[in-house]
């Protein structure tokens, strides 16, 4: 299986996992010229931008470690574009979550980083 297919599979798993925990997924793989956000949803009054990461082994570090500052900055730029494009008011609370798959373990980190 290629990397894109693996990514799509884990994004679907993450969406199902989150929906069971009260998230409402609004968008899968939002893309714009700034980049991509894996999932966008709503949870407890927040508009949530969600990065999904998978690691089969810790050889390259954990899935959470893969969401470094550079990746965070890219996600924030895409989120800002999404908010502007959809005319979402600045008063809308937003949050950045990460869903990390390390082998068979899944972790959700809410408020993983901030603007």
N, C-alpha and C. Protein backbone atom coordinates (compact mmCIF):
# COMPACT_ATOMS: atom_id res chain seq x y z
N UNK A 1 0.84 -1.18 0.00
CA UNK A 1 0.00 0.00 0.00
C UNK A 1 0.89 1.25 0.00
N UNK A 2 0.56 2.24 -0.83
CA UNK A 2 1.38 3.45 -0.89
C UNK A 2 1.05 4.41 0.26
N UNK A 3 1.89 5.42 0.42
CA UNK A 3 1.74 6.34 1.55
C UNK A 3 0.40 7.08 1.53
N UNK A 4 -0.06 7.47 0.35
CA UNK A 4 -1.33 8.20 0.26
C UNK A 4 -2.49 7.32 0.71
N UNK A 5 -2.48 6.06 0.29
CA UNK A 5 -3.54 5.13 0.67
C UNK A 5 -3.51 4.87 2.18
N UNK A 6 -2.32 4.74 2.72
CA UNK A 6 -2.18 4.55 4.17
C UNK A 6 -2.70 5.78 4.91
N UNK A 7 -2.34 6.96 4.42
CA UNK A 7 -2.80 8.19 5.04
C UNK A 7 -4.31 8.31 5.01
N UNK A 8 -4.91 7.98 3.89
CA UNK A 8 -6.37 8.03 3.76
C UNK A 8 -7.03 7.06 4.73
N UNK A 9 -6.47 5.87 4.87
CA UNK A 9 -7.02 4.87 5.79
C UNK A 9 -6.98 5.38 7.23
N UNK A 10 -5.86 5.94 7.65
CA UNK A 10 -5.75 6.42 9.03
C UNK A 10 -6.57 7.69 9.28
N UNK A 11 -6.74 8.52 8.27
CA UNK A 11 -7.63 9.68 8.41
C UNK A 11 -9.07 9.22 8.61
N UNK A 12 -9.49 8.18 7.90
CA UNK A 12 -10.84 7.64 8.08
C UNK A 12 -10.99 7.03 9.47
N UNK A 13 -9.97 6.32 9.93
CA UNK A 13 -10.00 5.76 11.29
C UNK A 13 -10.10 6.87 12.33
N UNK A 14 -9.32 7.93 12.13
CA UNK A 14 -9.33 9.05 13.07
C UNK A 14 -10.71 9.71 13.10
N UNK A 15 -11.30 9.92 11.92
CA UNK A 15 -12.62 10.54 11.86
C UNK A 15 -13.65 9.70 12.61
N UNK A 16 -13.64 8.40 12.41
CA UNK A 16 -14.59 7.51 13.10
C UNK A 16 -14.36 7.55 14.61
N UNK A 17 -13.10 7.52 15.02
CA UNK A 17 -12.73 7.57 16.44
C UNK A 17 -13.24 8.87 17.07
N UNK A 18 -13.03 9.99 16.38
CA UNK A 18 -13.44 11.29 16.90
C UNK A 18 -14.97 11.42 16.95
N UNK A 19 -15.64 10.93 15.93
CA UNK A 19 -17.10 11.01 15.91
C UNK A 19 -17.71 10.26 17.09
N UNK A 20 -17.10 9.16 17.48
CA UNK A 20 -17.58 8.41 18.65
C UNK A 20 -17.39 9.21 19.94
N UNK A 21 -16.51 10.20 19.90
CA UNK A 21 -16.22 11.03 21.07
C UNK A 21 -16.86 12.42 20.97
N UNK A 22 -17.85 12.54 20.10
CA UNK A 22 -18.62 13.78 20.06
C UNK A 22 -18.21 14.81 19.02
N UNK A 23 -17.20 14.55 18.24
CA UNK A 23 -16.82 15.47 17.17
C UNK A 23 -17.79 15.30 16.00
N UNK A 24 -18.01 16.39 15.29
CA UNK A 24 -18.77 16.31 14.03
C UNK A 24 -17.78 16.72 12.93
N UNK A 25 -17.44 15.78 12.09
CA UNK A 25 -16.46 16.04 11.02
C UNK A 25 -17.16 16.77 9.88
N UNK A 26 -16.62 17.92 9.51
CA UNK A 26 -17.20 18.76 8.46
C UNK A 26 -16.50 18.59 7.13
N UNK A 27 -15.20 18.27 7.19
CA UNK A 27 -14.41 18.27 5.97
C UNK A 27 -13.24 17.31 6.10
N UNK A 28 -13.00 16.54 5.06
CA UNK A 28 -11.83 15.67 4.96
C UNK A 28 -10.89 16.27 3.92
N UNK A 29 -9.63 16.33 4.22
CA UNK A 29 -8.59 16.77 3.29
C UNK A 29 -8.89 18.12 2.63
N UNK A 30 -9.07 19.13 3.45
CA UNK A 30 -9.26 20.49 2.92
C UNK A 30 -7.93 20.94 2.32
N UNK A 31 -7.99 21.38 1.07
CA UNK A 31 -6.77 21.82 0.38
C UNK A 31 -6.96 23.22 -0.18
N UNK A 32 -5.87 23.97 -0.11
CA UNK A 32 -5.82 25.27 -0.75
C UNK A 32 -4.38 25.49 -1.18
N UNK A 33 -4.09 26.65 -1.72
CA UNK A 33 -2.72 26.90 -2.20
C UNK A 33 -1.70 26.93 -1.06
N UNK A 34 -2.18 27.10 0.18
CA UNK A 34 -1.29 27.15 1.34
C UNK A 34 -0.88 25.75 1.83
N UNK A 35 -1.70 24.75 1.49
CA UNK A 35 -1.42 23.40 1.96
C UNK A 35 -2.70 22.63 2.21
N UNK A 36 -2.65 21.73 3.20
CA UNK A 36 -3.77 20.84 3.46
C UNK A 36 -3.98 20.64 4.96
N UNK A 37 -5.23 20.45 5.34
CA UNK A 37 -5.58 20.03 6.70
C UNK A 37 -6.34 18.73 6.56
N UNK A 38 -5.96 17.73 7.35
CA UNK A 38 -6.54 16.40 7.22
C UNK A 38 -8.03 16.37 7.51
N UNK A 39 -8.43 16.92 8.65
CA UNK A 39 -9.84 16.92 9.05
C UNK A 39 -10.19 18.27 9.66
N UNK A 40 -11.42 18.69 9.43
CA UNK A 40 -11.95 19.88 10.09
C UNK A 40 -13.28 19.47 10.68
N UNK A 41 -13.48 19.82 11.95
CA UNK A 41 -14.72 19.42 12.60
C UNK A 41 -15.17 20.42 13.64
N UNK A 42 -16.23 20.05 14.32
CA UNK A 42 -16.74 20.84 15.43
C UNK A 42 -16.75 19.95 16.67
N UNK A 43 -16.38 20.57 17.79
CA UNK A 43 -16.38 19.84 19.07
C UNK A 43 -16.51 20.84 20.20
N UNK A 44 -17.55 20.66 21.00
CA UNK A 44 -17.76 21.48 22.20
C UNK A 44 -17.65 22.97 21.91
N UNK A 45 -18.28 23.42 20.82
CA UNK A 45 -18.30 24.84 20.48
C UNK A 45 -17.10 25.33 19.69
N UNK A 46 -16.11 24.51 19.52
CA UNK A 46 -14.90 24.88 18.77
C UNK A 46 -14.99 24.42 17.32
N UNK A 47 -14.39 25.19 16.44
CA UNK A 47 -14.08 24.73 15.10
C UNK A 47 -12.68 24.13 15.24
N UNK A 48 -12.54 22.86 14.90
CA UNK A 48 -11.29 22.15 15.20
C UNK A 48 -10.59 21.74 13.90
N UNK A 49 -9.33 22.12 13.81
CA UNK A 49 -8.46 21.73 12.69
C UNK A 49 -7.62 20.56 13.21
N UNK A 50 -7.69 19.43 12.50
CA UNK A 50 -7.13 18.18 13.03
C UNK A 50 -6.07 17.63 12.08
N UNK A 51 -4.90 17.42 12.63
CA UNK A 51 -3.81 16.76 11.91
C UNK A 51 -3.77 15.30 12.34
N UNK A 52 -3.67 14.39 11.38
CA UNK A 52 -3.60 12.96 11.65
C UNK A 52 -2.22 12.48 11.25
N UNK A 53 -1.54 11.79 12.18
CA UNK A 53 -0.22 11.25 11.89
C UNK A 53 -0.16 9.79 12.27
N UNK A 54 0.54 9.01 11.45
CA UNK A 54 0.71 7.57 11.67
C UNK A 54 2.18 7.22 11.59
N UNK A 55 2.61 6.36 12.48
CA UNK A 55 3.96 5.81 12.46
C UNK A 55 3.87 4.31 12.70
N UNK A 56 4.45 3.55 11.79
CA UNK A 56 4.48 2.09 11.94
C UNK A 56 5.55 1.67 12.94
N UNK A 57 6.59 2.50 13.05
CA UNK A 57 7.66 2.21 14.01
C UNK A 57 8.18 3.54 14.55
N UNK A 58 8.94 3.47 15.61
CA UNK A 58 9.50 4.69 16.21
C UNK A 58 10.87 5.03 15.63
N UNK A 59 11.24 4.36 14.56
CA UNK A 59 12.53 4.60 13.91
C UNK A 59 12.69 6.08 13.54
N UNK A 60 11.60 6.69 13.06
CA UNK A 60 11.63 8.09 12.66
C UNK A 60 11.00 9.00 13.71
N UNK A 61 10.87 8.50 14.94
CA UNK A 61 10.24 9.27 16.01
C UNK A 61 8.77 8.93 16.11
N UNK A 62 8.12 9.49 17.11
CA UNK A 62 6.70 9.20 17.32
C UNK A 62 5.85 10.03 16.35
N UNK A 63 4.60 9.64 16.23
CA UNK A 63 3.68 10.38 15.37
C UNK A 63 3.51 11.82 15.85
N UNK A 64 3.45 12.01 17.17
CA UNK A 64 3.31 13.37 17.70
C UNK A 64 4.53 14.23 17.37
N UNK A 65 5.71 13.64 17.42
CA UNK A 65 6.93 14.40 17.11
C UNK A 65 6.94 14.87 15.65
N UNK A 66 6.20 14.19 14.79
CA UNK A 66 6.17 14.57 13.38
C UNK A 66 5.44 15.88 13.14
N UNK A 67 4.65 16.32 14.12
CA UNK A 67 3.94 17.59 13.98
C UNK A 67 4.81 18.67 14.62
N UNK A 68 5.89 18.97 13.92
CA UNK A 68 6.87 19.94 14.42
C UNK A 68 6.40 21.37 14.16
N UNK A 69 7.21 22.32 14.56
CA UNK A 69 6.85 23.74 14.44
C UNK A 69 6.57 24.12 12.99
N UNK A 70 7.35 23.63 12.07
CA UNK A 70 7.14 23.96 10.66
C UNK A 70 5.77 23.44 10.19
N UNK A 71 5.43 22.21 10.56
CA UNK A 71 4.12 21.63 10.21
C UNK A 71 3.00 22.42 10.88
N UNK A 72 3.19 22.80 12.12
CA UNK A 72 2.18 23.58 12.83
C UNK A 72 1.93 24.91 12.12
N UNK A 73 2.99 25.58 11.71
CA UNK A 73 2.86 26.87 11.03
C UNK A 73 2.10 26.73 9.72
N UNK A 74 2.36 25.64 9.00
CA UNK A 74 1.65 25.38 7.74
C UNK A 74 0.16 25.16 8.00
N UNK A 75 -0.16 24.37 9.02
CA UNK A 75 -1.56 24.10 9.36
C UNK A 75 -2.26 25.41 9.76
N UNK A 76 -1.59 26.24 10.53
CA UNK A 76 -2.17 27.52 10.95
C UNK A 76 -2.46 28.40 9.73
N UNK A 77 -1.54 28.45 8.78
CA UNK A 77 -1.76 29.25 7.56
C UNK A 77 -2.98 28.75 6.79
N UNK A 78 -3.10 27.43 6.66
CA UNK A 78 -4.24 26.85 5.95
C UNK A 78 -5.53 27.14 6.72
N UNK A 79 -5.49 27.02 8.04
CA UNK A 79 -6.67 27.31 8.86
C UNK A 79 -7.12 28.76 8.68
N UNK A 80 -6.18 29.68 8.68
CA UNK A 80 -6.53 31.09 8.48
C UNK A 80 -7.19 31.30 7.13
N UNK A 81 -6.67 30.63 6.11
CA UNK A 81 -7.25 30.73 4.78
C UNK A 81 -8.68 30.19 4.78
N UNK A 82 -8.89 29.04 5.42
CA UNK A 82 -10.21 28.43 5.54
C UNK A 82 -11.19 29.39 6.20
N UNK A 83 -10.77 30.00 7.30
CA UNK A 83 -11.63 30.93 8.03
C UNK A 83 -12.00 32.14 7.17
N UNK A 84 -11.04 32.65 6.43
CA UNK A 84 -11.28 33.80 5.57
C UNK A 84 -12.19 33.40 4.40
N UNK A 85 -11.88 32.29 3.77
CA UNK A 85 -12.64 31.83 2.61
C UNK A 85 -14.11 31.57 2.95
N UNK A 86 -14.35 31.04 4.13
CA UNK A 86 -15.72 30.69 4.55
C UNK A 86 -16.40 31.82 5.32
N UNK A 87 -15.72 32.95 5.45
CA UNK A 87 -16.28 34.13 6.15
C UNK A 87 -16.69 33.77 7.58
N UNK A 88 -15.85 33.01 8.25
CA UNK A 88 -16.13 32.63 9.63
C UNK A 88 -15.66 33.77 10.53
N UNK A 89 -16.52 34.25 11.41
CA UNK A 89 -16.16 35.41 12.23
C UNK A 89 -15.00 35.11 13.19
N UNK A 90 -14.25 36.15 13.49
CA UNK A 90 -13.11 36.01 14.41
C UNK A 90 -13.55 35.57 15.80
N UNK A 91 -14.81 35.76 16.12
CA UNK A 91 -15.30 35.37 17.43
C UNK A 91 -15.46 33.85 17.57
N UNK A 92 -15.38 33.11 16.45
CA UNK A 92 -15.51 31.66 16.51
C UNK A 92 -14.27 31.06 17.17
N UNK A 93 -14.44 30.37 18.29
CA UNK A 93 -13.28 29.72 18.91
C UNK A 93 -12.75 28.59 18.03
N UNK A 94 -11.43 28.55 17.89
CA UNK A 94 -10.81 27.49 17.10
C UNK A 94 -9.81 26.73 17.97
N UNK A 95 -9.52 25.53 17.53
CA UNK A 95 -8.60 24.66 18.26
C UNK A 95 -7.85 23.81 17.25
N UNK A 96 -6.62 23.44 17.61
CA UNK A 96 -5.81 22.57 16.77
C UNK A 96 -5.54 21.28 17.54
N UNK A 97 -6.08 20.18 17.03
CA UNK A 97 -5.90 18.88 17.66
C UNK A 97 -5.02 18.00 16.78
N UNK A 98 -4.38 17.03 17.40
CA UNK A 98 -3.59 16.04 16.67
C UNK A 98 -4.07 14.66 17.09
N UNK A 99 -4.30 13.81 16.08
CA UNK A 99 -4.60 12.41 16.32
C UNK A 99 -3.36 11.63 15.89
N UNK A 100 -2.75 10.95 16.84
CA UNK A 100 -1.48 10.25 16.58
C UNK A 100 -1.68 8.74 16.69
N UNK A 101 -1.29 8.05 15.65
CA UNK A 101 -1.29 6.59 15.63
C UNK A 101 0.16 6.12 15.68
N UNK A 102 0.54 5.49 16.76
CA UNK A 102 1.86 4.85 16.85
C UNK A 102 1.60 3.36 16.94
N UNK A 103 1.85 2.69 15.80
CA UNK A 103 1.48 1.27 15.66
C UNK A 103 -0.01 1.12 15.96
N UNK A 104 -0.40 0.43 16.99
CA UNK A 104 -1.82 0.20 17.29
C UNK A 104 -2.38 1.15 18.34
N UNK A 105 -1.56 2.04 18.86
CA UNK A 105 -2.01 2.98 19.88
C UNK A 105 -2.49 4.26 19.23
N UNK A 106 -3.62 4.78 19.72
CA UNK A 106 -4.15 6.04 19.20
C UNK A 106 -4.25 7.04 20.36
N UNK A 107 -3.80 8.27 20.08
CA UNK A 107 -3.87 9.34 21.08
C UNK A 107 -4.45 10.58 20.42
N UNK A 108 -5.31 11.26 21.15
CA UNK A 108 -5.85 12.53 20.69
C UNK A 108 -5.32 13.60 21.62
N UNK A 109 -4.66 14.59 21.05
CA UNK A 109 -4.17 15.72 21.84
C UNK A 109 -4.98 16.95 21.44
N UNK A 110 -5.82 17.39 22.35
CA UNK A 110 -6.60 18.61 22.09
C UNK A 110 -5.73 19.81 22.42
N UNK A 111 -5.94 20.90 21.70
CA UNK A 111 -5.13 22.11 21.90
C UNK A 111 -3.65 21.78 21.80
N UNK A 112 -3.28 21.02 20.80
CA UNK A 112 -1.89 20.59 20.63
C UNK A 112 -0.94 21.76 20.38
N UNK A 113 -1.46 22.81 19.73
CA UNK A 113 -0.68 24.03 19.50
C UNK A 113 -1.67 25.17 19.27
N UNK A 114 -1.15 26.40 19.25
CA UNK A 114 -1.99 27.60 19.18
C UNK A 114 -1.49 28.54 18.11
N UNK A 115 -2.40 29.45 17.77
CA UNK A 115 -2.02 30.52 16.81
C UNK A 115 -1.13 31.50 17.52
